[in-house]
N, C-alpha and C. Protein backbone atom coordinates (compact mmCIF):
# COMPACT_ATOMS: atom_id res chain seq x y z
N MET A 1 -16.52 -6.70 -3.11
CA MET A 1 -15.28 -5.48 -2.70
C MET A 1 -15.35 -4.48 -3.50
N LYS A 2 -15.46 -2.76 -3.03
CA LYS A 2 -15.20 -1.84 -4.07
C LYS A 2 -13.63 -1.98 -4.36
N PRO A 3 -13.42 -1.35 -5.47
CA PRO A 3 -12.02 -1.09 -5.76
C PRO A 3 -11.57 0.13 -4.57
N ILE A 4 -10.40 -0.10 -4.13
CA ILE A 4 -9.32 0.80 -3.45
C ILE A 4 -8.03 1.17 -3.63
N ALA A 5 -7.55 2.27 -3.72
CA ALA A 5 -6.21 2.33 -3.92
C ALA A 5 -5.30 2.63 -2.74
N LEU A 6 -4.56 1.87 -2.77
CA LEU A 6 -3.49 1.46 -1.77
C LEU A 6 -2.26 1.85 -1.87
N SER A 7 -1.21 2.46 -0.98
CA SER A 7 -0.02 2.77 -1.21
C SER A 7 1.04 1.45 -0.89
N ALA A 8 1.80 1.10 -1.79
CA ALA A 8 2.78 0.22 -1.44
C ALA A 8 4.03 0.58 -2.14
N HIS A 9 5.24 -0.21 -1.85
CA HIS A 9 6.59 0.08 -2.02
C HIS A 9 7.33 -1.51 -2.83
N TYR A 10 8.18 -1.30 -3.53
CA TYR A 10 9.03 -2.48 -4.12
C TYR A 10 10.18 -2.50 -3.02
N ASP A 11 10.62 -3.67 -2.28
CA ASP A 11 11.38 -3.34 -1.30
C ASP A 11 12.94 -3.89 -2.25
N GLY A 12 12.86 -4.36 -2.89
CA GLY A 12 13.86 -5.50 -3.75
C GLY A 12 13.88 -6.73 -3.73
N GLU A 13 12.61 -7.28 -3.55
CA GLU A 13 12.45 -8.63 -3.49
C GLU A 13 10.62 -8.77 -3.24
N LYS A 14 9.87 -8.05 -2.47
CA LYS A 14 8.60 -7.93 -2.69
C LYS A 14 7.89 -6.71 -2.90
N ILE A 15 6.55 -6.72 -3.04
CA ILE A 15 5.74 -5.68 -3.39
C ILE A 15 4.89 -5.53 -1.68
N GLU A 16 5.37 -4.51 -1.02
CA GLU A 16 4.64 -4.31 0.46
C GLU A 16 4.03 -3.11 0.70
N LEU A 17 2.94 -3.56 1.36
CA LEU A 17 2.26 -2.13 1.28
C LEU A 17 2.49 -1.43 2.56
N ASP A 18 2.03 0.05 2.17
CA ASP A 18 2.62 0.99 3.22
C ASP A 18 1.72 0.99 4.59
N GLU A 19 0.57 0.70 4.27
CA GLU A 19 -0.21 0.56 5.32
C GLU A 19 -0.98 -0.79 5.57
N PRO A 20 -1.15 -1.50 6.90
CA PRO A 20 -2.11 -2.58 6.49
C PRO A 20 -3.16 -2.57 6.04
N TYR A 21 -3.95 -3.75 5.70
CA TYR A 21 -5.09 -3.48 4.95
C TYR A 21 -5.48 -5.07 4.60
N PRO A 22 -6.66 -5.48 5.08
CA PRO A 22 -7.10 -6.76 5.14
C PRO A 22 -7.44 -7.24 3.64
N LEU A 23 -6.53 -7.96 3.16
CA LEU A 23 -6.68 -8.62 1.71
C LEU A 23 -7.55 -10.40 1.72
N THR A 24 -8.35 -10.37 0.97
CA THR A 24 -8.67 -11.74 1.14
C THR A 24 -7.43 -12.41 0.29
N GLU A 25 -8.07 -13.90 0.28
CA GLU A 25 -7.07 -14.96 -0.44
C GLU A 25 -7.47 -14.80 -2.06
N ASN A 26 -6.09 -14.53 -2.85
CA ASN A 26 -6.57 -14.85 -3.94
C ASN A 26 -7.35 -13.43 -4.52
N ALA A 27 -7.26 -12.50 -3.94
CA ALA A 27 -7.64 -11.04 -4.42
C ALA A 27 -6.84 -10.32 -5.42
N HIS A 28 -7.83 -10.22 -6.67
CA HIS A 28 -7.36 -9.80 -7.53
C HIS A 28 -6.85 -7.67 -7.36
N LEU A 29 -5.64 -8.01 -7.81
CA LEU A 29 -5.05 -6.71 -7.55
C LEU A 29 -4.42 -6.23 -9.29
N VAL A 30 -4.21 -4.52 -9.36
CA VAL A 30 -3.62 -4.35 -10.70
C VAL A 30 -2.56 -3.18 -10.10
N VAL A 31 -1.35 -3.52 -10.25
CA VAL A 31 -0.17 -2.90 -9.83
C VAL A 31 0.16 -1.81 -11.13
N VAL A 32 0.36 -0.60 -10.41
CA VAL A 32 0.88 0.99 -11.68
C VAL A 32 2.61 0.93 -10.74
N VAL A 33 3.24 1.03 -11.47
CA VAL A 33 4.44 1.49 -11.44
C VAL A 33 4.81 2.82 -11.77
N LEU A 34 4.69 3.62 -10.95
CA LEU A 34 4.68 5.19 -10.73
C LEU A 34 6.26 6.09 -11.34
N PRO A 35 6.50 6.86 -11.98
CA PRO A 35 7.55 7.08 -12.50
C PRO A 35 8.72 7.81 -10.69
N GLN A 36 10.02 7.58 -11.26
CA GLN A 36 10.82 8.08 -9.93
C GLN A 36 10.34 9.38 -9.78
N ASP A 37 10.78 9.79 -8.38
CA ASP A 37 10.41 10.89 -7.48
C ASP A 37 10.67 11.88 -8.33
N ASP A 38 12.14 12.23 -8.95
CA ASP A 38 12.38 13.31 -9.60
C ASP A 38 11.59 13.65 -10.63
N GLU A 39 11.31 12.45 -11.25
CA GLU A 39 10.65 12.71 -12.51
C GLU A 39 9.26 13.81 -12.20
N ARG A 40 8.86 12.76 -10.83
CA ARG A 40 7.30 13.72 -10.42
C ARG A 40 7.05 14.52 -10.13
N GLN A 41 8.11 15.38 -9.48
CA GLN A 41 8.74 16.18 -9.20
C GLN A 41 8.68 17.34 -10.25
N ASP A 42 8.93 16.92 -11.21
CA ASP A 42 9.27 17.87 -12.17
C ASP A 42 7.82 18.10 -12.87
N TRP A 43 6.87 17.36 -12.85
CA TRP A 43 5.91 17.34 -12.95
C TRP A 43 4.79 18.05 -12.38
N LEU A 44 4.93 17.79 -11.14
CA LEU A 44 4.28 18.59 -10.33
C LEU A 44 4.60 20.21 -10.19
N ARG A 45 6.04 20.32 -10.61
CA ARG A 45 6.52 21.50 -10.55
C ARG A 45 5.78 22.42 -11.60
N LEU A 46 5.96 21.70 -12.95
CA LEU A 46 5.31 22.01 -14.19
C LEU A 46 3.89 22.20 -13.88
N SER A 47 2.96 21.50 -13.31
CA SER A 47 1.70 21.92 -13.12
C SER A 47 1.56 23.21 -12.25
N ALA A 48 2.24 23.41 -11.56
CA ALA A 48 1.99 24.26 -10.32
C ALA A 48 2.36 25.72 -11.32
N GLN A 49 3.33 25.89 -11.88
CA GLN A 49 3.82 26.66 -12.78
C GLN A 49 2.68 27.21 -14.18
N GLN A 50 2.13 26.24 -14.48
CA GLN A 50 0.59 26.41 -15.38
C GLN A 50 -0.25 26.82 -14.20
N LEU A 51 -0.50 26.50 -13.44
CA LEU A 51 -1.76 27.15 -12.61
C LEU A 51 -1.62 28.28 -12.18
N ALA A 52 -0.54 28.71 -11.77
CA ALA A 52 -0.07 30.33 -11.67
C ALA A 52 -0.34 30.91 -12.56
N ARG A 53 0.21 30.20 -13.82
CA ARG A 53 -0.30 31.34 -15.16
C ARG A 53 -1.52 31.11 -15.46
N ALA A 54 -2.12 30.90 -15.42
CA ALA A 54 -3.64 30.57 -15.53
C ALA A 54 -4.37 31.43 -14.39
N TYR A 55 -4.17 31.41 -13.30
CA TYR A 55 -4.59 32.15 -12.37
C TYR A 55 -4.06 33.35 -11.59
N GLY A 56 -3.53 33.88 -12.08
CA GLY A 56 -2.19 35.03 -11.50
C GLY A 56 -2.78 35.75 -11.04
N SER A 57 -1.74 37.11 -10.35
CA SER A 57 -2.14 38.20 -9.61
C SER A 57 -3.17 38.97 -10.02
N ASN A 58 -3.77 38.88 -11.21
CA ASN A 58 -4.16 39.89 -12.13
C ASN A 58 -5.90 38.91 -12.44
N GLU A 59 -6.01 38.16 -11.74
CA GLU A 59 -7.22 37.34 -11.84
C GLU A 59 -8.13 38.23 -10.98
N PRO A 60 -9.59 38.52 -11.23
CA PRO A 60 -10.53 39.18 -10.34
C PRO A 60 -10.74 38.31 -9.52
N ASP A 61 -11.07 38.62 -8.25
CA ASP A 61 -12.19 37.59 -6.85
C ASP A 61 -13.36 37.72 -7.04
N TYR A 62 -13.80 36.57 -7.48
CA TYR A 62 -15.31 36.37 -7.90
C TYR A 62 -16.21 36.27 -6.27
N THR A 63 -17.40 36.51 -6.87
CA THR A 63 -18.22 36.31 -5.38
C THR A 63 -19.27 35.48 -5.72
N GLU A 64 -20.19 35.02 -4.70
CA GLU A 64 -21.44 34.21 -5.03
C GLU A 64 -22.29 35.01 -5.75
N ALA A 65 -22.45 36.31 -6.08
CA ALA A 65 -22.71 36.59 -6.79
C ALA A 65 -23.10 36.82 -8.47
N ASP A 66 -21.54 36.38 -8.88
CA ASP A 66 -21.16 36.34 -9.79
C ASP A 66 -21.48 34.63 -10.38
N LEU A 67 -22.10 33.87 -9.43
CA LEU A 67 -22.29 32.74 -9.96
C LEU A 67 -23.37 32.69 -10.53
N ARG A 68 -24.02 31.79 -11.69
CA ARG A 68 -25.02 31.59 -12.01
C ARG A 68 -25.70 30.37 -11.49
N LYS A 69 -27.15 30.09 -11.42
CA LYS A 69 -27.63 29.31 -10.86
C LYS A 69 -28.20 28.21 -12.26
């Protein structure tokens, strides 16, 4: 079986997949606990600000002719 990322949540008692997926019995899983949404939103906002700063409105528009082979 190839590795696959599945969304899930903890309901206070057990971990539940957000969408059905056929798991085999005794399938090996890795669980990653993500930060709360408020912290995640802060990181997304910071990322967007840095991208806007790096690629501001002064950034020239590049054409295919500007690309090197």
